[in-house]
Amino acid sequence: MHIQRLHSLGTARSEYGLTQDEIYAAIDAGKLQYRPAAMHGNPWLRLLRREVEALVRIRSGDRYLRERKTRTELAQINRELKQLRAQLAALEERRAALLAELADQGDHQARPASAST
């Protein structure tokens, strides 16, 4: 059995350019199923992705749907790349600090031997 991925009302609005009124009208017309949910006391609606995409396809066409999905995926990739770049910079900074510490420890170990002569 295939489980459908779910959207929140806000995600459906931002990813597909739907208005809240369009979503509620589709729910009232029986085109969208929903489940109420809550997180930290804040209520929201869960929507089936395939139904949201079918609504967008009917409203704006297949080309528009493909473009919105592509833009959403591109934005996600850009966010991930930004996070990875920040992680990489932090790791390189820590690596440099550790290498400097090792070099400093090597200098300290060499000094007592040269001082005894």
C-alpha atoms as a PDB file:
ATOM      1  CA  MET A   1       0.000   0.000   0.000  1.00  0.00           C
ATOM      2  CA  HIS A   2       1.424   3.375  -1.039  1.00  0.00           C
ATOM      3  CA  ILE A   3       1.165   6.140   1.546  1.00  0.00           C
ATOM      4  CA  GLN A   4       0.578   9.585   0.088  1.00  0.00           C
ATOM      5  CA  ARG A   5       2.824  12.408   1.218  1.00  0.00           C
ATOM      6  CA  LEU A   6       0.909  15.127   2.977  1.00  0.00           C
ATOM      7  CA  HIS A   7       1.006  18.905   2.704  1.00  0.00           C
ATOM      8  CA  SER A   8       0.002  21.534   5.156  1.00  0.00           C
ATOM      9  CA  LEU A   9      -2.301  24.263   3.969  1.00  0.00           C
ATOM     10  CA  GLY A  10       0.591  26.752   4.168  1.00  0.00           C
ATOM     11  CA  THR A  11       2.907  24.516   2.155  1.00  0.00           C
ATOM     12  CA  ALA A  12       0.246  24.016  -0.511  1.00  0.00           C
ATOM     13  CA  ARG A  13      -0.137  27.788  -0.722  1.00  0.00           C
ATOM     14  CA  SER A  14       3.591  28.553  -0.956  1.00  0.00           C
ATOM     15  CA  GLU A  15       4.657  25.663  -3.187  1.00  0.00           C
ATOM     16  CA  TYR A  16       1.791  25.818  -5.658  1.00  0.00           C
ATOM     17  CA  GLY A  17       0.580  29.418  -5.468  1.00  0.00           C
ATOM     18  CA  LEU A  18      -2.894  28.521  -4.255  1.00  0.00           C
ATOM     19  CA  THR A  19      -4.848  30.954  -2.125  1.00  0.00           C
ATOM     20  CA  GLN A  20      -6.452  29.940   1.132  1.00  0.00           C
ATOM     21  CA  ASP A  21      -9.880  30.655  -0.403  1.00  0.00           C
ATOM     22  CA  GLU A  22      -9.117  28.317  -3.336  1.00  0.00           C
ATOM     23  CA  ILE A  23      -8.098  25.551  -0.951  1.00  0.00           C
ATOM     24  CA  TYR A  24     -11.208  25.936   1.212  1.00  0.00           C
ATOM     25  CA  ALA A  25     -13.419  26.074  -1.899  1.00  0.00           C
ATOM     26  CA  ALA A  26     -11.830  22.829  -3.154  1.00  0.00           C
ATOM     27  CA  ILE A  27     -12.403  21.217   0.266  1.00  0.00           C
ATOM     28  CA  ASP A  28     -16.056  22.352   0.208  1.00  0.00           C
ATOM     29  CA  ALA A  29     -16.430  21.005  -3.357  1.00  0.00           C
ATOM     30  CA  GLY A  30     -15.008  17.633  -2.287  1.00  0.00           C
ATOM     31  CA  LYS A  31     -11.882  17.974  -4.463  1.00  0.00           C
ATOM     32  CA  LEU A  32      -9.493  17.994  -1.501  1.00  0.00           C
ATOM     33  CA  GLN A  33      -9.559  15.725   1.506  1.00  0.00           C
ATOM     34  CA  TYR A  34      -8.069  17.049   4.703  1.00  0.00           C
ATOM     35  CA  ARG A  35      -7.224  15.992   8.200  1.00  0.00           C
ATOM     36  CA  PRO A  36      -7.018  18.437  11.056  1.00  0.00           C
ATOM     37  CA  ALA A  37      -3.722  18.381  12.919  1.00  0.00           C
ATOM     38  CA  ALA A  38      -1.978  20.467  15.553  1.00  0.00           C
ATOM     39  CA  MET A  39       1.605  21.139  16.543  1.00  0.00           C
ATOM     40  CA  HIS A  40       2.488  22.929  19.770  1.00  0.00           C
ATOM     41  CA  GLY A  41      -1.162  23.894  20.104  1.00  0.00           C
ATOM     42  CA  ASN A  42      -1.344  25.438  16.629  1.00  0.00           C
ATOM     43  CA  PRO A  43      -3.994  23.868  14.370  1.00  0.00           C
ATOM     44  CA  TRP A  44      -3.356  23.221  10.676  1.00  0.00           C
ATOM     45  CA  LEU A  45      -4.793  21.127   7.859  1.00  0.00           C
ATOM     46  CA  ARG A  46      -3.086  18.138   6.276  1.00  0.00           C
ATOM     47  CA  LEU A  47      -3.750  17.722   2.557  1.00  0.00           C
ATOM     48  CA  LEU A  48      -2.869  14.933   0.132  1.00  0.00           C
ATOM     49  CA  ARG A  49      -0.136  15.985  -2.282  1.00  0.00           C
ATOM     50  CA  ARG A  50      -1.672  14.199  -5.272  1.00  0.00           C
ATOM     51  CA  GLU A  51      -4.991  15.986  -4.730  1.00  0.00           C
ATOM     52  CA  VAL A  52      -3.303  19.384  -4.350  1.00  0.00           C
ATOM     53  CA  GLU A  53      -1.324  18.743  -7.540  1.00  0.00           C
ATOM     54  CA  ALA A  54      -4.487  17.659  -9.385  1.00  0.00           C
ATOM     55  CA  LEU A  55      -6.200  20.878  -8.285  1.00  0.00           C
ATOM     56  CA  VAL A  56      -3.254  22.975  -9.511  1.00  0.00           C
ATOM     57  CA  ARG A  57      -3.128  21.033 -12.790  1.00  0.00           C
ATOM     58  CA  ILE A  58      -6.829  21.761 -13.408  1.00  0.00           C
ATOM     59  CA  ARG A  59      -6.542  25.408 -12.281  1.00  0.00           C
ATOM     60  CA  SER A  60      -3.306  26.386 -14.037  1.00  0.00           C
ATOM     61  CA  GLY A  61      -2.196  23.565 -16.309  1.00  0.00           C
ATOM     62  CA  ASP A  62       0.473  20.895 -16.289  1.00  0.00           C
ATOM     63  CA  ARG A  63       3.250  23.268 -17.394  1.00  0.00           C
ATOM     64  CA  TYR A  64       2.598  25.591 -14.448  1.00  0.00           C
ATOM     65  CA  LEU A  65       2.616  22.612 -12.048  1.00  0.00           C
ATOM     66  CA  ARG A  66       5.948  21.358 -13.405  1.00  0.00           C
ATOM     67  CA  GLU A  67       7.428  24.859 -13.123  1.00  0.00           C
ATOM     68  CA  ARG A  68       6.268  25.267  -9.499  1.00  0.00           C
ATOM     69  CA  LYS A  69       7.621  21.826  -8.555  1.00  0.00           C
ATOM     70  CA  THR A  70      10.953  22.619 -10.243  1.00  0.00           C
ATOM     71  CA  ARG A  71      11.225  25.995  -8.501  1.00  0.00           C
ATOM     72  CA  THR A  72      10.396  24.388  -5.146  1.00  0.00           C
ATOM     73  CA  GLU A  73      13.035  21.703  -5.611  1.00  0.00           C
ATOM     74  CA  LEU A  74      15.598  24.298  -6.707  1.00  0.00           C
ATOM     75  CA  ALA A  75      14.884  26.401  -3.606  1.00  0.00           C
ATOM     76  CA  GLN A  76      15.329  23.314  -1.400  1.00  0.00           C
ATOM     77  CA  ILE A  77      18.642  22.473  -3.063  1.00  0.00           C
ATOM     78  CA  ASN A  78      19.831  26.066  -2.643  1.00  0.00           C
ATOM     79  CA  ARG A  79      18.948  25.945   1.088  1.00  0.00           C
ATOM     80  CA  GLU A  80      20.816  22.654   1.502  1.00  0.00           C
ATOM     81  CA  LEU A  81      23.865  24.001  -0.357  1.00  0.00           C
ATOM     82  CA  LYS A  82      23.910  27.085   1.870  1.00  0.00           C
ATOM     83  CA  GLN A  83      23.815  24.865   4.966  1.00  0.00           C
ATOM     84  CA  LEU A  84      26.556  22.614   3.607  1.00  0.00           C
ATOM     85  CA  ARG A  85      28.759  25.608   2.766  1.00  0.00           C
ATOM     86  CA  ALA A  86      28.347  26.893   6.319  1.00  0.00           C
ATOM     87  CA  GLN A  87      29.192  23.445   7.700  1.00  0.00           C
ATOM     88  CA  LEU A  88      32.220  23.200   5.410  1.00  0.00           C
ATOM     89  CA  ALA A  89      33.488  26.619   6.513  1.00  0.00           C
ATOM     90  CA  ALA A  90      33.078  25.667  10.178  1.00  0.00           C
ATOM     91  CA  LEU A  91      34.882  22.353   9.633  1.00  0.00           C
ATOM     92  CA  GLU A  92      37.737  24.028   7.758  1.00  0.00           C
ATOM     93  CA  GLU A  93      38.088  26.584  10.551  1.00  0.00           C
ATOM     94  CA  ARG A  94      38.156  23.847  13.200  1.00  0.00           C
ATOM     95  CA  ARG A  95      40.643  21.824  11.117  1.00  0.00           C
ATOM     96  CA  ALA A  96      42.965  24.821  10.856  1.00  0.00           C
ATOM     97  CA  ALA A  97      42.738  25.359  14.631  1.00  0.00           C
ATOM     98  CA  LEU A  98      43.567  21.708  15.304  1.00  0.00           C
ATOM     99  CA  LEU A  99      46.495  21.744  12.877  1.00  0.00           C
ATOM    100  CA  ALA A 100      47.796  24.911  14.538  1.00  0.00           C
ATOM    101  CA  GLU A 101      47.451  23.251  17.939  1.00  0.00           C
ATOM    102  CA  LEU A 102      49.369  20.199  16.729  1.00  0.00           C
ATOM    103  CA  ALA A 103      52.114  22.390  15.268  1.00  0.00           C
ATOM    104  CA  ASP A 104      52.297  24.325  18.535  1.00  0.00           C
ATOM    105  CA  GLN A 105      52.526  21.075  20.521  1.00  0.00           C
ATOM    106  CA  GLY A 106      55.324  19.916  18.225  1.00  0.00           C
ATOM    107  CA  ASP A 107      57.225  23.152  18.960  1.00  0.00           C
ATOM    108  CA  HIS A 108      56.772  22.666  22.704  1.00  0.00           C
ATOM    109  CA  GLN A 109      58.067  19.120  22.544  1.00  0.00           C
ATOM    110  CA  ALA A 110      61.136  20.184  20.543  1.00  0.00           C
ATOM    111  CA  ARG A 111      62.089  23.025  22.924  1.00  0.00           C
ATOM    112  CA  PRO A 112      63.000  20.988  26.017  1.00  0.00           C
ATOM    113  CA  ALA A 113      65.314  18.751  24.002  1.00  0.00           C
ATOM    114  CA  SER A 114      67.179  21.712  22.494  1.00  0.00           C
ATOM    115  CA  ALA A 115      67.257  23.567  25.831  1.00  0.00           C
ATOM    116  CA  SER A 116      69.108  20.697  27.557  1.00  0.00           C
ATOM    117  CA  THR A 117      72.129  20.948  25.232  1.00  0.00           C
END
